[in-house]
């Protein structure tokens, strides 16, 4: 199953939810959302800085990962950025493909 990294930035309302339910409560809610989408939460880490949480999930496909991101973003407690993760084997397969491309030189 494809893997995705979600970077989450909490809104003020989202931070209130973390203060109320704790990190484990938020993690459990994310895990439940993943299962409802046919996927699985692999890991969730809270962080300092521009990103408040990093979430790694397995999802059936890009459309399902996008649906999860839309659901989170529509909730108003967090904004997400979704990154498709690739295995080393997928990169090997990509490196073996031939693509017709000519860069513009000026």
N, C-alpha and C. Protein backbone atom coordinates (compact mmCIF):
# COMPACT_ATOMS: atom_id res chain seq x y z
N UNK A 1 0.85 -1.17 0.00
CA UNK A 1 0.00 0.00 0.00
C UNK A 1 0.90 1.24 0.00
N UNK A 2 0.58 2.25 -0.81
CA UNK A 2 1.39 3.47 -0.85
C UNK A 2 1.44 4.18 0.50
N UNK A 3 2.57 4.84 0.75
CA UNK A 3 2.76 5.59 1.99
C UNK A 3 2.74 7.09 1.71
N UNK A 4 2.23 7.83 2.69
CA UNK A 4 2.13 9.28 2.58
C UNK A 4 2.60 9.90 3.89
N UNK A 5 3.22 11.06 3.75
CA UNK A 5 3.60 11.86 4.91
C UNK A 5 2.71 13.09 4.91
N UNK A 6 1.96 13.26 5.98
CA UNK A 6 1.16 14.46 6.16
C UNK A 6 1.87 15.36 7.16
N UNK A 7 2.10 16.60 6.77
CA UNK A 7 2.60 17.61 7.68
C UNK A 7 1.39 18.41 8.14
N UNK A 8 1.17 18.47 9.44
CA UNK A 8 -0.01 19.17 9.97
C UNK A 8 0.41 20.41 10.74
N UNK A 9 -0.32 21.48 10.50
CA UNK A 9 -0.15 22.72 11.24
C UNK A 9 -1.48 23.02 11.92
N UNK A 10 -1.47 23.03 13.24
CA UNK A 10 -2.71 23.23 13.98
C UNK A 10 -3.13 24.69 14.01
N UNK A 11 -4.42 24.91 13.92
CA UNK A 11 -4.99 26.23 14.13
C UNK A 11 -5.12 26.44 15.64
N UNK A 12 -5.53 27.63 16.04
CA UNK A 12 -5.76 27.90 17.46
C UNK A 12 -6.79 26.92 18.03
N UNK A 13 -7.80 26.62 17.24
CA UNK A 13 -8.83 25.67 17.68
C UNK A 13 -8.25 24.26 17.81
N UNK A 14 -7.36 23.90 16.91
CA UNK A 14 -6.72 22.60 16.98
C UNK A 14 -5.83 22.46 18.20
N UNK A 15 -5.14 23.52 18.56
CA UNK A 15 -4.29 23.51 19.75
C UNK A 15 -5.14 23.33 21.00
N UNK A 16 -6.33 23.93 21.02
CA UNK A 16 -7.24 23.73 22.16
C UNK A 16 -7.63 22.26 22.27
N UNK A 17 -7.83 21.60 21.14
CA UNK A 17 -8.16 20.17 21.14
C UNK A 17 -7.02 19.32 21.67
N UNK A 18 -5.80 19.68 21.31
CA UNK A 18 -4.62 18.95 21.82
C UNK A 18 -4.54 19.13 23.34
N UNK A 19 -4.75 20.36 23.80
CA UNK A 19 -4.69 20.62 25.24
C UNK A 19 -5.76 19.82 25.98
N UNK A 20 -6.92 19.67 25.36
CA UNK A 20 -8.03 18.96 25.99
C UNK A 20 -7.85 17.44 25.93
N UNK A 21 -7.53 16.91 24.74
CA UNK A 21 -7.51 15.45 24.52
C UNK A 21 -6.12 14.84 24.60
N UNK A 22 -5.09 15.67 24.58
CA UNK A 22 -3.72 15.16 24.62
C UNK A 22 -3.26 14.61 23.28
N UNK A 23 -1.99 14.33 23.21
CA UNK A 23 -1.41 13.78 21.99
C UNK A 23 -1.93 12.40 21.66
N UNK A 24 -2.14 11.57 22.67
CA UNK A 24 -2.64 10.22 22.41
C UNK A 24 -4.08 10.26 21.89
N UNK A 25 -4.86 11.20 22.38
CA UNK A 25 -6.23 11.35 21.88
C UNK A 25 -6.25 11.74 20.42
N UNK A 26 -5.34 12.65 20.04
CA UNK A 26 -5.26 13.07 18.64
C UNK A 26 -4.77 11.92 17.78
N UNK A 27 -3.75 11.19 18.27
CA UNK A 27 -3.23 10.05 17.52
C UNK A 27 -4.33 9.00 17.29
N UNK A 28 -5.12 8.73 18.32
CA UNK A 28 -6.19 7.75 18.19
C UNK A 28 -7.24 8.20 17.17
N UNK A 29 -7.54 9.49 17.14
CA UNK A 29 -8.50 10.02 16.17
C UNK A 29 -7.97 9.90 14.75
N UNK A 30 -6.67 10.17 14.57
CA UNK A 30 -6.05 10.04 13.24
C UNK A 30 -6.05 8.57 12.81
N UNK A 31 -5.72 7.67 13.73
CA UNK A 31 -5.72 6.24 13.40
C UNK A 31 -7.11 5.79 12.96
N UNK A 32 -8.14 6.25 13.68
CA UNK A 32 -9.52 5.90 13.33
C UNK A 32 -9.90 6.42 11.95
N UNK A 33 -9.48 7.64 11.64
CA UNK A 33 -9.76 8.22 10.32
C UNK A 33 -9.08 7.41 9.22
N UNK A 34 -7.85 6.99 9.47
CA UNK A 34 -7.12 6.19 8.48
C UNK A 34 -7.82 4.87 8.21
N UNK A 35 -8.23 4.19 9.27
CA UNK A 35 -8.93 2.91 9.13
C UNK A 35 -10.24 3.11 8.37
N UNK A 36 -10.95 4.19 8.65
CA UNK A 36 -12.23 4.43 7.97
C UNK A 36 -12.03 4.66 6.47
N UNK A 37 -10.81 5.07 6.09
CA UNK A 37 -10.49 5.31 4.68
C UNK A 37 -9.87 4.07 4.03
N UNK A 38 -9.75 2.98 4.78
CA UNK A 38 -9.16 1.77 4.23
C UNK A 38 -7.66 1.72 4.37
N UNK A 39 -7.11 2.59 5.22
CA UNK A 39 -5.67 2.65 5.39
C UNK A 39 -5.25 2.35 6.81
N UNK A 40 -4.03 2.80 7.15
CA UNK A 40 -3.48 2.51 8.46
C UNK A 40 -2.50 3.60 8.86
N UNK A 41 -2.57 4.02 10.10
CA UNK A 41 -1.58 4.95 10.65
C UNK A 41 -0.32 4.17 10.97
N UNK A 42 0.81 4.59 10.41
CA UNK A 42 2.09 3.95 10.73
C UNK A 42 2.76 4.65 11.90
N UNK A 43 2.81 5.97 11.86
CA UNK A 43 3.47 6.73 12.92
C UNK A 43 2.95 8.15 12.94
N UNK A 44 2.98 8.74 14.14
CA UNK A 44 2.61 10.14 14.30
C UNK A 44 3.54 10.75 15.33
N UNK A 45 4.18 11.84 14.92
CA UNK A 45 5.12 12.54 15.80
C UNK A 45 4.73 14.01 15.89
N UNK A 46 4.74 14.54 17.09
CA UNK A 46 4.55 15.97 17.29
C UNK A 46 5.92 16.63 17.25
N UNK A 47 5.96 17.91 16.83
CA UNK A 47 7.24 18.56 16.63
C UNK A 47 7.18 20.04 17.00
N UNK A 48 8.35 20.62 17.16
CA UNK A 48 8.49 22.06 17.32
C UNK A 48 8.68 22.66 15.94
N UNK A 49 8.45 23.95 15.79
CA UNK A 49 8.74 24.63 14.53
C UNK A 49 7.52 24.88 13.70
N UNK A 50 7.72 25.00 12.40
CA UNK A 50 6.64 25.33 11.47
C UNK A 50 5.60 24.23 11.35
N UNK A 51 6.00 22.99 11.56
CA UNK A 51 5.09 21.86 11.45
C UNK A 51 4.83 21.32 12.86
N UNK A 52 3.55 21.15 13.19
CA UNK A 52 3.18 20.70 14.53
C UNK A 52 3.16 19.18 14.66
N UNK A 53 2.86 18.49 13.56
CA UNK A 53 2.82 17.03 13.61
C UNK A 53 3.19 16.45 12.25
N UNK A 54 3.90 15.34 12.30
CA UNK A 54 4.23 14.56 11.11
C UNK A 54 3.50 13.23 11.24
N UNK A 55 2.75 12.88 10.20
CA UNK A 55 1.92 11.68 10.24
C UNK A 55 2.26 10.83 9.02
N UNK A 56 2.67 9.59 9.25
CA UNK A 56 2.96 8.66 8.15
C UNK A 56 1.85 7.63 8.11
N UNK A 57 1.22 7.51 6.94
CA UNK A 57 0.09 6.60 6.80
C UNK A 57 0.24 5.74 5.55
N UNK A 58 -0.41 4.59 5.59
CA UNK A 58 -0.59 3.75 4.40
C UNK A 58 -2.01 4.01 3.93
N UNK A 59 -2.17 4.33 2.66
CA UNK A 59 -3.49 4.57 2.08
C UNK A 59 -3.59 3.76 0.79
N UNK A 60 -4.80 3.35 0.41
CA UNK A 60 -4.95 2.53 -0.79
C UNK A 60 -4.45 3.20 -2.08
N UNK A 61 -4.60 4.54 -2.18
CA UNK A 61 -4.24 5.22 -3.42
C UNK A 61 -4.22 6.73 -3.19
N UNK A 62 -3.81 7.46 -4.22
CA UNK A 62 -3.72 8.92 -4.13
C UNK A 62 -5.07 9.56 -3.84
N UNK A 63 -6.13 9.06 -4.46
CA UNK A 63 -7.45 9.65 -4.26
C UNK A 63 -7.88 9.52 -2.80
N UNK A 64 -7.58 8.40 -2.18
CA UNK A 64 -7.95 8.20 -0.77
C UNK A 64 -7.11 9.10 0.13
N UNK A 65 -5.83 9.24 -0.17
CA UNK A 65 -4.97 10.14 0.61
C UNK A 65 -5.47 11.58 0.47
N UNK A 66 -5.88 11.96 -0.74
CA UNK A 66 -6.41 13.31 -0.95
C UNK A 66 -7.72 13.50 -0.18
N UNK A 67 -8.56 12.47 -0.15
CA UNK A 67 -9.82 12.56 0.59
C UNK A 67 -9.55 12.76 2.08
N UNK A 68 -8.54 12.07 2.61
CA UNK A 68 -8.18 12.24 4.02
C UNK A 68 -7.70 13.67 4.27
N UNK A 69 -6.85 14.17 3.40
CA UNK A 69 -6.36 15.54 3.55
C UNK A 69 -7.51 16.55 3.47
N UNK A 70 -8.43 16.34 2.55
CA UNK A 70 -9.59 17.23 2.44
C UNK A 70 -10.42 17.21 3.71
N UNK A 71 -10.64 16.03 4.27
CA UNK A 71 -11.43 15.91 5.50
C UNK A 71 -10.76 16.67 6.65
N UNK A 72 -9.46 16.51 6.78
CA UNK A 72 -8.74 17.21 7.86
C UNK A 72 -8.79 18.71 7.64
N UNK A 73 -8.50 19.15 6.43
CA UNK A 73 -8.47 20.58 6.15
C UNK A 73 -9.85 21.23 6.30
N UNK A 74 -10.91 20.51 5.93
CA UNK A 74 -12.26 21.04 6.08
C UNK A 74 -12.69 21.15 7.53
N UNK A 75 -12.06 20.33 8.40
CA UNK A 75 -12.41 20.35 9.81
C UNK A 75 -12.06 21.65 10.51
N UNK A 76 -11.11 22.39 9.97
CA UNK A 76 -10.76 23.70 10.50
C UNK A 76 -9.80 23.70 11.69
N UNK A 77 -9.36 22.53 12.15
CA UNK A 77 -8.45 22.49 13.29
C UNK A 77 -7.00 22.29 12.89
N UNK A 78 -6.77 21.97 11.62
CA UNK A 78 -5.41 21.79 11.12
C UNK A 78 -5.39 22.00 9.61
N UNK A 79 -4.24 22.40 9.12
CA UNK A 79 -4.00 22.47 7.68
C UNK A 79 -2.89 21.47 7.38
N UNK A 80 -3.05 20.72 6.31
CA UNK A 80 -2.07 19.68 6.00
C UNK A 80 -1.38 19.92 4.67
N UNK A 81 -0.21 19.35 4.57
CA UNK A 81 0.55 19.26 3.34
C UNK A 81 0.81 17.77 3.15
N UNK A 82 0.50 17.24 1.98
CA UNK A 82 0.64 15.81 1.74
C UNK A 82 1.83 15.53 0.83
N UNK A 83 2.65 14.59 1.24
CA UNK A 83 3.84 14.20 0.47
C UNK A 83 3.75 12.71 0.18
N UNK A 84 3.86 12.34 -1.09
CA UNK A 84 3.88 10.93 -1.47
C UNK A 84 5.28 10.39 -1.18
N UNK A 85 5.34 9.28 -0.46
CA UNK A 85 6.62 8.66 -0.14
C UNK A 85 6.86 7.48 -1.08
N UNK A 86 8.11 7.30 -1.49
CA UNK A 86 8.47 6.22 -2.41
C UNK A 86 9.51 5.32 -1.77
N UNK A 87 9.42 4.04 -2.07
CA UNK A 87 10.43 3.09 -1.60
C UNK A 87 11.67 3.19 -2.48
N UNK A 88 12.77 2.63 -2.02
CA UNK A 88 13.99 2.59 -2.81
C UNK A 88 13.76 1.82 -4.11
N UNK A 89 12.95 0.77 -4.04
CA UNK A 89 12.66 -0.03 -5.24
C UNK A 89 11.86 0.78 -6.26
N UNK A 90 10.96 1.63 -5.80
CA UNK A 90 10.21 2.49 -6.73
C UNK A 90 11.14 3.49 -7.41
N UNK A 91 12.10 4.00 -6.67
CA UNK A 91 13.09 4.92 -7.26
C UNK A 91 13.94 4.17 -8.28
N UNK A 92 14.33 2.92 -7.97
CA UNK A 92 15.08 2.10 -8.93
C UNK A 92 14.29 1.94 -10.22
N UNK A 93 13.00 1.64 -10.11
CA UNK A 93 12.15 1.47 -11.29
C UNK A 93 12.06 2.77 -12.08
N UNK A 94 11.94 3.89 -11.39
CA UNK A 94 11.87 5.18 -12.07
C UNK A 94 13.17 5.49 -12.80
N UNK A 95 14.31 5.16 -12.18
CA UNK A 95 15.61 5.44 -12.79
C UNK A 95 15.83 4.63 -14.06
N UNK A 96 15.13 3.51 -14.20
CA UNK A 96 15.29 2.65 -15.38
C UNK A 96 14.38 3.06 -16.54
N UNK A 97 13.45 3.96 -16.29
CA UNK A 97 12.53 4.40 -17.35
C UNK A 97 13.21 5.44 -18.23
N UNK A 98 12.93 5.38 -19.51
CA UNK A 98 13.45 6.35 -20.46
C UNK A 98 12.36 7.34 -20.80
N UNK A 99 12.66 8.61 -20.63
CA UNK A 99 11.70 9.67 -20.91
C UNK A 99 12.29 10.59 -21.97
N UNK A 100 11.49 10.93 -22.99
CA UNK A 100 11.94 11.87 -24.02
C UNK A 100 11.78 13.29 -23.47
N UNK A 101 12.92 13.91 -23.19
CA UNK A 101 12.90 15.26 -22.65
C UNK A 101 14.15 15.98 -23.08
N UNK A 102 14.00 17.24 -23.51
CA UNK A 102 15.15 18.03 -23.89
C UNK A 102 15.04 19.39 -23.18
N UNK A 103 15.99 19.69 -22.30
CA UNK A 103 15.93 20.95 -21.59
C UNK A 103 16.20 22.12 -22.53
N UNK A 104 15.60 23.24 -22.25
CA UNK A 104 15.85 24.46 -23.01
C UNK A 104 17.16 25.05 -22.53
N UNK A 105 18.01 25.39 -23.47
CA UNK A 105 19.30 26.00 -23.11
C UNK A 105 19.34 27.38 -23.71
N UNK A 106 19.76 28.31 -22.90
CA UNK A 106 19.75 29.68 -23.41
C UNK A 106 20.98 30.42 -23.17
